[in-house]
């Protein structure tokens, strides 16, 4: 996908034209209105995944504070080599649990060994290949990679059925108290190839 603002406007126009064919989804799309689809990648996949690991099972403010202290160990510039040179005790001192420290070190090791590619290499890979590669890191699951695919790489057709907020918004839209992932996948087949856009609108609908 081209990086210009006009390209993302065209992307949204095409997506909405397709998704609006769903009579139940269309009122939600109209209510939310235009949104930005421009990706916002972190400086590196290492940075993005380290931030995700840090934030697991924490509220946003606490996670941000710990990650900022972690970044400060490296003057804000993360590299795999620097992480591996840092004693575990130092990493723990900024608030990382033992499990998260081990996971971030595993991430650094897999970055050095090229299991974790650069952004440039990731952009040449398909979604499932990226998921298979990145979930080799300790502590990184499918949901984490799906968030990267949507928000960092701008992939148009990711459908994160394990996301709590998506399930809640989907259930509210279709009048289902506890929608099952299998049912959500079937229902969203008609939204291909723009399921990421549908997900973004479902997330946004919870804020208005």
N, C-alpha and C. Protein backbone atom coordinates (compact mmCIF):
# COMPACT_ATOMS: atom_id res chain seq x y z
N UNK A 1 0.84 -1.19 0.00
CA UNK A 1 0.00 0.00 0.00
C UNK A 1 0.87 1.24 0.00
N UNK A 2 0.57 2.21 -0.81
CA UNK A 2 1.34 3.44 -0.87
C UNK A 2 1.21 4.20 0.43
N UNK A 3 2.20 5.04 0.72
CA UNK A 3 2.25 5.70 2.01
C UNK A 3 1.58 7.06 2.03
N UNK A 4 1.20 7.61 0.89
CA UNK A 4 0.63 8.94 0.86
C UNK A 4 -0.74 9.00 1.52
N UNK A 5 -1.06 10.19 2.05
CA UNK A 5 -2.36 10.38 2.72
C UNK A 5 -3.51 10.07 1.77
N UNK A 6 -3.38 10.47 0.50
CA UNK A 6 -4.43 10.20 -0.46
C UNK A 6 -4.69 8.72 -0.65
N UNK A 7 -3.64 7.92 -0.56
CA UNK A 7 -3.80 6.47 -0.70
C UNK A 7 -4.65 5.90 0.42
N UNK A 8 -4.46 6.41 1.65
CA UNK A 8 -5.25 5.91 2.78
C UNK A 8 -6.70 6.37 2.69
N UNK A 9 -6.92 7.56 2.12
CA UNK A 9 -8.28 8.03 1.91
C UNK A 9 -9.00 7.13 0.91
N UNK A 10 -8.30 6.76 -0.17
CA UNK A 10 -8.86 5.87 -1.17
C UNK A 10 -9.12 4.48 -0.57
N UNK A 11 -8.19 4.02 0.24
CA UNK A 11 -8.30 2.75 0.95
C UNK A 11 -9.58 2.73 1.79
N UNK A 12 -9.81 3.82 2.56
CA UNK A 12 -11.01 3.89 3.40
C UNK A 12 -12.27 3.94 2.55
N UNK A 13 -12.24 4.70 1.47
CA UNK A 13 -13.42 4.80 0.60
C UNK A 13 -13.80 3.43 0.03
N UNK A 14 -12.82 2.69 -0.44
CA UNK A 14 -13.08 1.36 -1.00
C UNK A 14 -13.59 0.41 0.08
N UNK A 15 -12.99 0.48 1.25
CA UNK A 15 -13.41 -0.40 2.34
C UNK A 15 -14.85 -0.12 2.75
N UNK A 16 -15.20 1.15 2.91
CA UNK A 16 -16.55 1.51 3.35
C UNK A 16 -17.59 1.15 2.29
N UNK A 17 -17.24 1.29 1.03
CA UNK A 17 -18.18 0.91 -0.03
C UNK A 17 -18.50 -0.58 0.06
N UNK A 18 -17.50 -1.38 0.36
CA UNK A 18 -17.70 -2.82 0.47
C UNK A 18 -18.44 -3.18 1.76
N UNK A 19 -18.00 -2.65 2.89
CA UNK A 19 -18.58 -3.01 4.18
C UNK A 19 -20.02 -2.51 4.33
N UNK A 20 -20.35 -1.41 3.64
CA UNK A 20 -21.70 -0.85 3.75
C UNK A 20 -22.76 -1.74 3.12
N UNK A 21 -22.33 -2.77 2.39
CA UNK A 21 -23.30 -3.73 1.85
C UNK A 21 -23.93 -4.56 2.96
N UNK A 22 -23.30 -4.60 4.11
CA UNK A 22 -23.86 -5.31 5.25
C UNK A 22 -24.84 -4.37 5.95
N UNK A 23 -26.13 -4.68 5.85
CA UNK A 23 -27.16 -3.77 6.36
C UNK A 23 -27.08 -3.55 7.86
N UNK A 24 -26.55 -4.51 8.60
CA UNK A 24 -26.42 -4.36 10.05
C UNK A 24 -25.20 -3.52 10.41
N UNK A 25 -24.15 -3.67 9.64
CA UNK A 25 -22.91 -2.93 9.91
C UNK A 25 -22.99 -1.48 9.45
N UNK A 26 -23.73 -1.21 8.39
CA UNK A 26 -23.73 0.14 7.79
C UNK A 26 -24.10 1.25 8.77
N UNK A 27 -25.13 1.11 9.62
CA UNK A 27 -25.44 2.20 10.56
C UNK A 27 -24.27 2.52 11.50
N UNK A 28 -23.53 1.50 11.89
CA UNK A 28 -22.38 1.73 12.75
C UNK A 28 -21.31 2.52 12.00
N UNK A 29 -21.06 2.14 10.75
CA UNK A 29 -20.08 2.85 9.94
C UNK A 29 -20.47 4.33 9.79
N UNK A 30 -21.75 4.58 9.54
CA UNK A 30 -22.23 5.95 9.37
C UNK A 30 -22.11 6.73 10.67
N UNK A 31 -22.40 6.09 11.78
CA UNK A 31 -22.36 6.76 13.08
C UNK A 31 -20.93 7.14 13.47
N UNK A 32 -19.99 6.26 13.21
CA UNK A 32 -18.59 6.53 13.57
C UNK A 32 -17.96 7.56 12.63
N UNK A 33 -18.29 7.48 11.33
CA UNK A 33 -17.74 8.42 10.36
C UNK A 33 -16.33 8.06 9.94
N UNK A 34 -15.64 9.02 9.35
CA UNK A 34 -14.30 8.76 8.81
C UNK A 34 -13.29 8.54 9.94
N UNK A 35 -12.38 7.62 9.73
CA UNK A 35 -11.31 7.36 10.69
C UNK A 35 -9.98 7.32 9.93
N UNK A 36 -8.88 7.41 10.66
CA UNK A 36 -7.57 7.31 10.03
C UNK A 36 -7.12 5.87 9.99
N UNK A 37 -6.62 5.45 8.84
CA UNK A 37 -6.11 4.09 8.69
C UNK A 37 -4.59 4.07 8.54
N UNK A 38 -3.94 5.23 8.65
CA UNK A 38 -2.50 5.29 8.44
C UNK A 38 -1.77 4.51 9.53
N UNK A 39 -0.88 3.59 9.15
CA UNK A 39 -0.13 2.83 10.15
C UNK A 39 0.78 3.74 10.98
N UNK A 40 1.07 3.28 12.20
CA UNK A 40 1.93 4.04 13.10
C UNK A 40 2.97 3.11 13.70
N UNK A 41 3.95 2.68 12.90
CA UNK A 41 4.90 1.69 13.40
C UNK A 41 5.87 2.27 14.43
N UNK A 42 6.26 1.43 15.38
CA UNK A 42 7.31 1.78 16.34
C UNK A 42 8.64 1.83 15.59
N UNK A 43 9.71 2.30 16.25
CA UNK A 43 11.01 2.37 15.56
C UNK A 43 11.49 1.05 14.99
N UNK A 44 11.12 -0.06 15.60
CA UNK A 44 11.55 -1.38 15.11
C UNK A 44 10.58 -2.43 15.63
N UNK A 45 10.53 -3.60 15.00
CA UNK A 45 9.72 -4.69 15.57
C UNK A 45 10.17 -5.07 16.98
N UNK A 46 11.47 -5.01 17.24
CA UNK A 46 11.98 -5.27 18.59
C UNK A 46 11.34 -4.32 19.59
N UNK A 47 11.31 -3.05 19.26
CA UNK A 47 10.70 -2.04 20.14
C UNK A 47 9.22 -2.35 20.34
N UNK A 48 8.50 -2.60 19.25
CA UNK A 48 7.07 -2.84 19.32
C UNK A 48 6.74 -4.05 20.20
N UNK A 49 7.47 -5.14 20.00
CA UNK A 49 7.18 -6.36 20.75
C UNK A 49 7.63 -6.26 22.19
N UNK A 50 8.73 -5.56 22.45
CA UNK A 50 9.16 -5.34 23.83
C UNK A 50 8.11 -4.53 24.59
N UNK A 51 7.54 -3.54 23.93
CA UNK A 51 6.49 -2.73 24.55
C UNK A 51 5.25 -3.58 24.84
N UNK A 52 4.90 -4.46 23.89
CA UNK A 52 3.75 -5.35 24.09
C UNK A 52 3.97 -6.29 25.27
N UNK A 53 5.16 -6.86 25.37
CA UNK A 53 5.47 -7.76 26.47
C UNK A 53 5.39 -7.01 27.80
N UNK A 54 5.96 -5.81 27.84
CA UNK A 54 5.94 -5.01 29.05
C UNK A 54 4.52 -4.74 29.53
N UNK A 55 3.62 -4.50 28.59
CA UNK A 55 2.26 -4.11 28.94
C UNK A 55 1.31 -5.23 29.29
N UNK A 56 1.73 -6.46 29.16
CA UNK A 56 0.83 -7.58 29.42
C UNK A 56 0.33 -7.59 30.86
N UNK A 57 -1.00 -7.70 31.02
CA UNK A 57 -1.66 -7.81 32.32
C UNK A 57 -1.47 -6.58 33.20
N UNK A 58 -1.21 -5.43 32.58
CA UNK A 58 -1.08 -4.18 33.31
C UNK A 58 -2.00 -3.14 32.70
N UNK A 59 -2.43 -2.16 33.51
CA UNK A 59 -3.20 -1.07 32.92
C UNK A 59 -2.25 -0.15 32.14
N UNK A 60 -2.82 0.68 31.30
CA UNK A 60 -2.02 1.47 30.37
C UNK A 60 -1.00 2.36 31.05
N UNK A 61 -1.39 3.02 32.13
CA UNK A 61 -0.48 3.96 32.79
C UNK A 61 0.71 3.25 33.42
N UNK A 62 0.43 2.14 34.11
CA UNK A 62 1.52 1.38 34.75
C UNK A 62 2.47 0.81 33.70
N UNK A 63 1.89 0.27 32.61
CA UNK A 63 2.71 -0.30 31.55
C UNK A 63 3.60 0.76 30.92
N UNK A 64 3.05 1.94 30.68
CA UNK A 64 3.82 3.02 30.06
C UNK A 64 4.97 3.44 30.96
N UNK A 65 4.71 3.54 32.26
CA UNK A 65 5.76 3.97 33.19
C UNK A 65 6.92 2.98 33.22
N UNK A 66 6.60 1.69 33.25
CA UNK A 66 7.65 0.67 33.27
C UNK A 66 8.43 0.67 31.97
N UNK A 67 7.71 0.79 30.83
CA UNK A 67 8.41 0.78 29.54
C UNK A 67 9.30 2.00 29.40
N UNK A 68 8.87 3.15 29.89
CA UNK A 68 9.70 4.35 29.82
C UNK A 68 10.97 4.18 30.66
N UNK A 69 10.84 3.55 31.82
CA UNK A 69 12.04 3.30 32.64
C UNK A 69 12.96 2.30 31.94
N UNK A 70 12.36 1.32 31.27
CA UNK A 70 13.16 0.34 30.52
C UNK A 70 13.90 1.04 29.38
N UNK A 71 13.21 1.88 28.62
CA UNK A 71 13.85 2.62 27.53
C UNK A 71 14.98 3.50 28.04
N UNK A 72 14.79 4.06 29.23
CA UNK A 72 15.81 4.96 29.78
C UNK A 72 17.14 4.24 30.01
N UNK A 73 17.09 2.93 30.21
CA UNK A 73 18.34 2.17 30.35
C UNK A 73 19.19 2.28 29.09
N UNK A 74 18.55 2.56 27.95
CA UNK A 74 19.24 2.58 26.66
C UNK A 74 19.14 3.95 26.00
N UNK A 75 18.87 4.97 26.82
CA UNK A 75 18.70 6.33 26.29
C UNK A 75 17.67 6.39 25.17
N UNK A 76 16.65 5.56 25.30
CA UNK A 76 15.53 5.58 24.36
C UNK A 76 15.74 4.82 23.08
N UNK A 77 16.91 4.23 22.88
CA UNK A 77 17.21 3.52 21.63
C UNK A 77 17.45 2.04 21.94
N UNK A 78 16.49 1.20 21.56
CA UNK A 78 16.60 -0.23 21.86
C UNK A 78 17.39 -0.95 20.78
N UNK A 79 18.25 -1.85 21.21
CA UNK A 79 18.91 -2.76 20.28
C UNK A 79 19.00 -4.12 20.96
N UNK A 80 18.99 -5.16 20.15
CA UNK A 80 19.04 -6.51 20.70
C UNK A 80 20.33 -6.74 21.47
N UNK A 81 21.43 -6.27 20.93
CA UNK A 81 22.71 -6.47 21.59
C UNK A 81 22.77 -5.80 22.95
N UNK A 82 22.24 -4.58 23.03
CA UNK A 82 22.26 -3.86 24.31
C UNK A 82 21.40 -4.57 25.35
N UNK A 83 20.26 -5.09 24.92
CA UNK A 83 19.40 -5.82 25.86
C UNK A 83 20.12 -7.05 26.39
N UNK A 84 20.76 -7.79 25.50
CA UNK A 84 21.45 -9.01 25.92
C UNK A 84 22.65 -8.72 26.81
N UNK A 85 23.21 -7.51 26.70
CA UNK A 85 24.33 -7.12 27.54
C UNK A 85 23.88 -6.60 28.91
N UNK A 86 22.58 -6.43 29.08
CA UNK A 86 22.05 -5.89 30.33
C UNK A 86 21.78 -7.02 31.32
N UNK A 87 22.33 -6.96 32.53
CA UNK A 87 22.04 -8.00 33.52
C UNK A 87 20.55 -8.08 33.82
N UNK A 88 20.07 -9.28 34.07
CA UNK A 88 18.66 -9.45 34.38
C UNK A 88 18.26 -8.61 35.59
N UNK A 89 19.14 -8.48 36.56
CA UNK A 89 18.81 -7.70 37.76
C UNK A 89 18.53 -6.24 37.41
N UNK A 90 19.28 -5.71 36.44
CA UNK A 90 19.06 -4.33 36.01
C UNK A 90 17.71 -4.19 35.32
N UNK A 91 17.37 -5.16 34.49
CA UNK A 91 16.07 -5.12 33.82
C UNK A 91 14.94 -5.23 34.84
N UNK A 92 15.12 -6.09 35.83
CA UNK A 92 14.10 -6.25 36.87
C UNK A 92 13.93 -4.97 37.69
N UNK A 93 15.01 -4.20 37.82
CA UNK A 93 14.98 -3.01 38.67
C UNK A 93 14.04 -1.92 38.15
N UNK A 94 13.68 -1.96 36.86
CA UNK A 94 12.78 -0.94 36.32
C UNK A 94 11.32 -1.35 36.46
N UNK A 95 11.07 -2.54 37.00
CA UNK A 95 9.69 -2.96 37.22
C UNK A 95 9.25 -4.15 36.40
N UNK A 96 10.14 -4.69 35.58
CA UNK A 96 9.80 -5.87 34.79
C UNK A 96 9.78 -7.11 35.70
N UNK A 97 8.78 -7.94 35.52
CA UNK A 97 8.75 -9.21 36.24
C UNK A 97 9.82 -10.14 35.68
N UNK A 98 10.09 -11.22 36.40
CA UNK A 98 11.07 -12.18 35.92
C UNK A 98 10.63 -12.77 34.58
N UNK A 99 9.33 -13.11 34.48
CA UNK A 99 8.82 -13.71 33.24
C UNK A 99 8.96 -12.74 32.06
N UNK A 100 8.68 -11.45 32.29
CA UNK A 100 8.79 -10.48 31.20
C UNK A 100 10.26 -10.22 30.84
N UNK A 101 11.12 -10.24 31.84
CA UNK A 101 12.55 -10.09 31.56
C UNK A 101 13.04 -11.23 30.68
N UNK A 102 12.65 -12.45 31.01
CA UNK A 102 13.05 -13.61 30.21
C UNK A 102 12.48 -13.50 28.80
N UNK A 103 11.23 -13.05 28.69
CA UNK A 103 10.59 -12.92 27.37
C UNK A 103 11.29 -11.87 26.51
N UNK A 104 11.66 -10.73 27.11
CA UNK A 104 12.32 -9.68 26.33
C UNK A 104 13.72 -10.12 25.92
N UNK A 105 14.39 -10.86 26.76
CA UNK A 105 15.70 -11.39 26.37
C UNK A 105 15.56 -12.41 25.24
N UNK A 106 14.51 -13.22 25.30
CA UNK A 106 14.25 -14.17 24.21
C UNK A 106 13.97 -13.42 22.91
N UNK A 107 13.21 -12.34 23.01
CA UNK A 107 12.94 -11.48 21.85
C UNK A 107 14.26 -10.94 21.27
N UNK A 108 15.14 -10.48 22.13
CA UNK A 108 16.42 -9.95 21.67
C UNK A 108 17.25 -11.05 20.98
N UNK A 109 17.27 -12.24 21.58
CA UNK A 109 18.02 -13.35 20.98
C UNK A 109 17.47 -13.70 19.60
N UNK A 110 16.14 -13.70 19.48
CA UNK A 110 15.53 -14.05 18.19
C UNK A 110 15.66 -12.91 17.18
N UNK A 111 15.88 -11.71 17.66
CA UNK A 111 16.18 -10.60 16.75
C UNK A 111 17.59 -10.76 16.19
N UNK A 112 18.52 -11.10 17.05
CA UNK A 112 19.91 -11.32 16.61
C UNK A 112 19.98 -12.46 15.60
N UNK A 113 19.21 -13.53 15.85
CA UNK A 113 19.25 -14.70 14.97
C UNK A 113 18.37 -14.55 13.73
N UNK A 114 17.75 -13.37 13.56
CA UNK A 114 16.94 -13.03 12.38
C UNK A 114 15.60 -13.76 12.33
N UNK A 115 15.21 -14.41 13.43
CA UNK A 115 13.84 -14.94 13.50
C UNK A 115 12.86 -13.77 13.42
N UNK A 116 13.20 -12.68 14.09
CA UNK A 116 12.39 -11.45 14.03
C UNK A 116 12.96 -10.56 12.93
N UNK A 117 12.23 -10.37 11.84
CA UNK A 117 12.75 -9.57 10.72
C UNK A 117 12.63 -8.07 10.99
N UNK A 118 13.18 -7.29 10.10
CA UNK A 118 13.01 -5.83 10.11
C UNK A 118 11.61 -5.48 9.61
N UNK A 119 11.22 -4.20 9.77
CA UNK A 119 9.95 -3.76 9.20
C UNK A 119 9.95 -3.99 7.69
N UNK A 120 11.07 -3.68 7.05
CA UNK A 120 11.14 -3.82 5.59
C UNK A 120 10.88 -5.27 5.18
N UNK A 121 11.48 -6.21 5.90
CA UNK A 121 11.27 -7.62 5.57
C UNK A 121 9.84 -8.05 5.89
N UNK A 122 9.30 -7.58 7.00
CA UNK A 122 7.93 -7.94 7.38
C UNK A 122 6.93 -7.48 6.32
N UNK A 123 7.18 -6.33 5.73
CA UNK A 123 6.24 -5.79 4.73
C UNK A 123 6.17 -6.68 3.49
N UNK A 124 7.17 -7.52 3.30
CA UNK A 124 7.17 -8.42 2.14
C UNK A 124 6.52 -9.77 2.47
N UNK A 125 6.17 -10.00 3.73
CA UNK A 125 5.63 -11.28 4.17
C UNK A 125 4.11 -11.21 4.27
N UNK A 126 3.44 -12.37 4.11
CA UNK A 126 1.98 -12.37 4.29
C UNK A 126 1.64 -12.48 5.77
N UNK A 127 0.37 -12.25 6.08
CA UNK A 127 -0.05 -12.15 7.48
C UNK A 127 0.26 -13.41 8.28
N UNK A 128 -0.11 -14.57 7.75
CA UNK A 128 0.08 -15.81 8.51
C UNK A 128 1.56 -16.13 8.71
N UNK A 129 2.37 -15.80 7.71
CA UNK A 129 3.81 -16.02 7.85
C UNK A 129 4.37 -15.16 8.97
N UNK A 130 3.90 -13.92 9.06
CA UNK A 130 4.34 -13.03 10.14
C UNK A 130 3.90 -13.58 11.49
N UNK A 131 2.67 -14.04 11.58
CA UNK A 131 2.17 -14.60 12.84
C UNK A 131 3.01 -15.79 13.26
N UNK A 132 3.31 -16.68 12.32
CA UNK A 132 4.10 -17.86 12.64
C UNK A 132 5.51 -17.48 13.09
N UNK A 133 6.09 -16.48 12.49
CA UNK A 133 7.44 -16.07 12.85
C UNK A 133 7.47 -15.42 14.24
N UNK A 134 6.60 -14.45 14.45
CA UNK A 134 6.70 -13.65 15.67
C UNK A 134 6.22 -14.39 16.92
N UNK A 135 5.30 -15.32 16.75
CA UNK A 135 4.83 -16.07 17.92
C UNK A 135 5.84 -17.12 18.38
N UNK A 136 6.98 -17.19 17.72
CA UNK A 136 8.06 -18.03 18.24
C UNK A 136 8.72 -17.39 19.46
N UNK A 137 8.48 -16.11 19.67
CA UNK A 137 9.03 -15.41 20.83
C UNK A 137 8.22 -15.76 22.07
N UNK A 138 8.91 -16.05 23.14
CA UNK A 138 8.26 -16.32 24.42
C UNK A 138 7.38 -15.13 24.81
N UNK A 139 6.13 -15.43 25.15
CA UNK A 139 5.23 -14.38 25.61
C UNK A 139 4.48 -13.64 24.52
N UNK A 140 4.75 -13.95 23.26
CA UNK A 140 4.05 -13.29 22.15
C UNK A 140 3.04 -14.26 21.55
N UNK A 141 1.76 -13.90 21.61
CA UNK A 141 0.70 -14.73 21.06
C UNK A 141 0.11 -14.12 19.80
N UNK A 142 -0.85 -14.81 19.25
CA UNK A 142 -1.46 -14.38 17.99
C UNK A 142 -2.08 -12.98 18.10
N UNK A 143 -2.75 -12.69 19.22
CA UNK A 143 -3.41 -11.39 19.36
C UNK A 143 -2.41 -10.25 19.25
N UNK A 144 -1.27 -10.39 19.91
CA UNK A 144 -0.25 -9.34 19.87
C UNK A 144 0.20 -9.08 18.44
N UNK A 145 0.41 -10.14 17.69
CA UNK A 145 0.87 -9.98 16.30
C UNK A 145 -0.26 -9.39 15.45
N UNK A 146 -1.49 -9.77 15.70
CA UNK A 146 -2.61 -9.19 14.95
C UNK A 146 -2.68 -7.68 15.16
N UNK A 147 -2.42 -7.21 16.38
CA UNK A 147 -2.42 -5.76 16.64
C UNK A 147 -1.31 -5.08 15.83
N UNK A 148 -0.16 -5.74 15.75
CA UNK A 148 0.93 -5.19 14.94
C UNK A 148 0.56 -5.15 13.47
N UNK A 149 -0.07 -6.21 12.99
CA UNK A 149 -0.48 -6.26 11.59
C UNK A 149 -1.43 -5.11 11.26
N UNK A 150 -2.36 -4.84 12.15
CA UNK A 150 -3.35 -3.79 11.88
C UNK A 150 -2.75 -2.39 12.04
N UNK A 151 -2.12 -2.14 13.19
CA UNK A 151 -1.75 -0.77 13.53
C UNK A 151 -0.34 -0.36 13.10
N UNK A 152 0.57 -1.32 12.96
CA UNK A 152 1.93 -0.98 12.54
C UNK A 152 2.17 -1.23 11.06
N UNK A 153 1.56 -2.28 10.52
CA UNK A 153 1.79 -2.63 9.12
C UNK A 153 0.62 -2.26 8.21
N UNK A 154 -0.51 -1.87 8.81
CA UNK A 154 -1.64 -1.42 8.00
C UNK A 154 -2.27 -2.50 7.15
N UNK A 155 -2.22 -3.76 7.63
CA UNK A 155 -2.80 -4.84 6.84
C UNK A 155 -4.33 -4.72 6.85
N UNK A 156 -4.98 -4.89 5.69
CA UNK A 156 -6.40 -4.59 5.58
C UNK A 156 -7.36 -5.69 6.01
N UNK A 157 -6.88 -6.92 6.15
CA UNK A 157 -7.83 -8.03 6.30
C UNK A 157 -7.51 -8.93 7.49
N UNK A 158 -7.30 -8.32 8.64
CA UNK A 158 -7.04 -9.06 9.89
C UNK A 158 -8.30 -8.99 10.74
N UNK A 159 -8.71 -10.12 11.28
CA UNK A 159 -9.96 -10.18 12.05
C UNK A 159 -9.66 -10.78 13.43
N UNK A 160 -9.40 -9.91 14.44
CA UNK A 160 -8.92 -10.36 15.75
C UNK A 160 -10.05 -10.83 16.68
N UNK A 161 -10.53 -12.03 16.44
CA UNK A 161 -11.70 -12.52 17.17
C UNK A 161 -11.42 -12.79 18.65
N UNK A 162 -10.15 -12.82 19.05
CA UNK A 162 -9.82 -13.04 20.46
C UNK A 162 -9.72 -11.74 21.25
N UNK A 163 -9.94 -10.62 20.59
CA UNK A 163 -9.88 -9.33 21.27
C UNK A 163 -11.17 -9.09 22.05
N UNK A 164 -11.03 -8.79 23.34
CA UNK A 164 -12.21 -8.63 24.21
C UNK A 164 -13.12 -7.51 23.71
N UNK A 165 -12.55 -6.37 23.38
CA UNK A 165 -13.37 -5.23 22.95
C UNK A 165 -14.08 -5.52 21.63
N UNK A 166 -13.42 -6.22 20.73
CA UNK A 166 -14.06 -6.59 19.47
C UNK A 166 -15.25 -7.51 19.74
N UNK A 167 -15.07 -8.48 20.61
CA UNK A 167 -16.19 -9.38 20.92
C UNK A 167 -17.35 -8.63 21.54
N UNK A 168 -17.07 -7.69 22.42
CA UNK A 168 -18.14 -6.91 23.05
C UNK A 168 -18.87 -6.05 22.03
N UNK A 169 -18.13 -5.37 21.17
CA UNK A 169 -18.75 -4.51 20.16
C UNK A 169 -19.53 -5.33 19.14
N UNK A 170 -18.97 -6.45 18.75
CA UNK A 170 -19.65 -7.35 17.80
C UNK A 170 -20.94 -7.87 18.43
N UNK A 171 -20.87 -8.30 19.69
CA UNK A 171 -22.06 -8.80 20.37
C UNK A 171 -23.14 -7.74 20.48
N UNK A 172 -22.74 -6.50 20.78
CA UNK A 172 -23.71 -5.41 20.87
C UNK A 172 -24.35 -5.13 19.51
N UNK A 173 -23.56 -5.20 18.45
CA UNK A 173 -24.07 -4.91 17.11
C UNK A 173 -25.08 -5.95 16.66
N UNK A 174 -24.77 -7.21 16.91
CA UNK A 174 -25.63 -8.29 16.41
C UNK A 174 -26.55 -8.88 17.47
N UNK A 175 -26.57 -8.28 18.67
CA UNK A 175 -27.48 -8.73 19.71
C UNK A 175 -27.15 -10.11 20.24
N UNK A 176 -25.85 -10.39 20.38
CA UNK A 176 -25.39 -11.69 20.89
C UNK A 176 -24.61 -11.44 22.18
N UNK A 177 -25.02 -12.05 23.27
CA UNK A 177 -24.40 -11.76 24.56
C UNK A 177 -22.94 -12.22 24.61
N UNK A 178 -22.66 -13.41 24.11
CA UNK A 178 -21.30 -13.95 24.16
C UNK A 178 -20.97 -14.60 22.82
N UNK A 179 -20.63 -13.79 21.82
CA UNK A 179 -20.35 -14.37 20.50
C UNK A 179 -19.13 -15.28 20.54
N UNK A 180 -19.21 -16.38 19.81
CA UNK A 180 -18.11 -17.33 19.75
C UNK A 180 -17.20 -16.99 18.56
N UNK A 181 -15.88 -17.18 18.74
CA UNK A 181 -14.94 -16.86 17.65
C UNK A 181 -15.30 -17.52 16.32
N UNK A 182 -15.73 -18.79 16.36
CA UNK A 182 -16.05 -19.48 15.11
C UNK A 182 -17.21 -18.79 14.39
N UNK A 183 -18.20 -18.39 15.14
CA UNK A 183 -19.35 -17.67 14.57
C UNK A 183 -18.91 -16.33 14.00
N UNK A 184 -18.04 -15.63 14.72
CA UNK A 184 -17.55 -14.33 14.26
C UNK A 184 -16.77 -14.46 12.96
N UNK A 185 -15.99 -15.51 12.85
CA UNK A 185 -15.22 -15.72 11.62
C UNK A 185 -16.15 -15.94 10.43
N UNK A 186 -17.18 -16.75 10.64
CA UNK A 186 -18.13 -17.04 9.55
C UNK A 186 -18.85 -15.77 9.13
N UNK A 187 -19.33 -15.01 10.11
CA UNK A 187 -20.10 -13.80 9.81
C UNK A 187 -19.25 -12.76 9.07
N UNK A 188 -17.96 -12.72 9.41
CA UNK A 188 -17.08 -11.70 8.83
C UNK A 188 -16.51 -12.10 7.47
N UNK A 189 -16.82 -13.29 6.99
CA UNK A 189 -16.32 -13.69 5.67
C UNK A 189 -16.78 -12.70 4.59
N UNK A 190 -18.00 -12.19 4.76
CA UNK A 190 -18.53 -11.24 3.77
C UNK A 190 -17.79 -9.90 3.81
N UNK A 191 -17.03 -9.65 4.86
CA UNK A 191 -16.31 -8.38 4.99
C UNK A 191 -14.93 -8.42 4.34
N UNK A 192 -14.47 -9.62 3.95
CA UNK A 192 -13.18 -9.68 3.25
C UNK A 192 -13.23 -8.81 1.99
N UNK A 193 -12.16 -8.15 1.61
CA UNK A 193 -10.82 -8.15 2.20
C UNK A 193 -10.56 -6.96 3.11
N UNK A 194 -11.59 -6.53 3.86
CA UNK A 194 -11.47 -5.31 4.67
C UNK A 194 -11.83 -5.56 6.14
N UNK A 195 -11.52 -6.73 6.65
CA UNK A 195 -11.92 -7.03 8.02
C UNK A 195 -11.18 -6.19 9.06
N UNK A 196 -9.97 -5.74 8.75
CA UNK A 196 -9.27 -4.84 9.67
C UNK A 196 -10.04 -3.54 9.84
N UNK A 197 -10.61 -3.05 8.74
CA UNK A 197 -11.37 -1.81 8.80
C UNK A 197 -12.63 -2.01 9.63
N UNK A 198 -13.31 -3.14 9.44
CA UNK A 198 -14.47 -3.44 10.28
C UNK A 198 -14.07 -3.49 11.74
N UNK A 199 -12.92 -4.09 12.04
CA UNK A 199 -12.45 -4.16 13.43
C UNK A 199 -12.21 -2.77 13.99
N UNK A 200 -11.58 -1.90 13.21
CA UNK A 200 -11.33 -0.54 13.67
C UNK A 200 -12.63 0.19 13.99
N UNK A 201 -13.64 -0.02 13.15
CA UNK A 201 -14.93 0.63 13.40
C UNK A 201 -15.62 0.05 14.64
N UNK A 202 -15.48 -1.23 14.85
CA UNK A 202 -16.06 -1.83 16.04
C UNK A 202 -15.38 -1.29 17.31
N UNK A 203 -14.06 -1.18 17.27
CA UNK A 203 -13.35 -0.58 18.40
C UNK A 203 -13.84 0.85 18.65
N UNK A 204 -13.90 1.61 17.56
CA UNK A 204 -14.27 3.04 17.69
C UNK A 204 -15.70 3.20 18.20
N UNK A 205 -16.57 2.28 17.85
CA UNK A 205 -17.97 2.38 18.25
C UNK A 205 -18.14 2.34 19.76
N UNK A 206 -17.18 1.78 20.47
CA UNK A 206 -17.26 1.70 21.94
C UNK A 206 -16.91 3.03 22.60
N UNK A 207 -16.38 3.98 21.81
CA UNK A 207 -15.98 5.27 22.37
C UNK A 207 -17.00 6.35 22.12
N UNK A 208 -18.08 6.03 21.39
CA UNK A 208 -19.06 7.09 21.06
C UNK A 208 -20.44 6.72 21.55
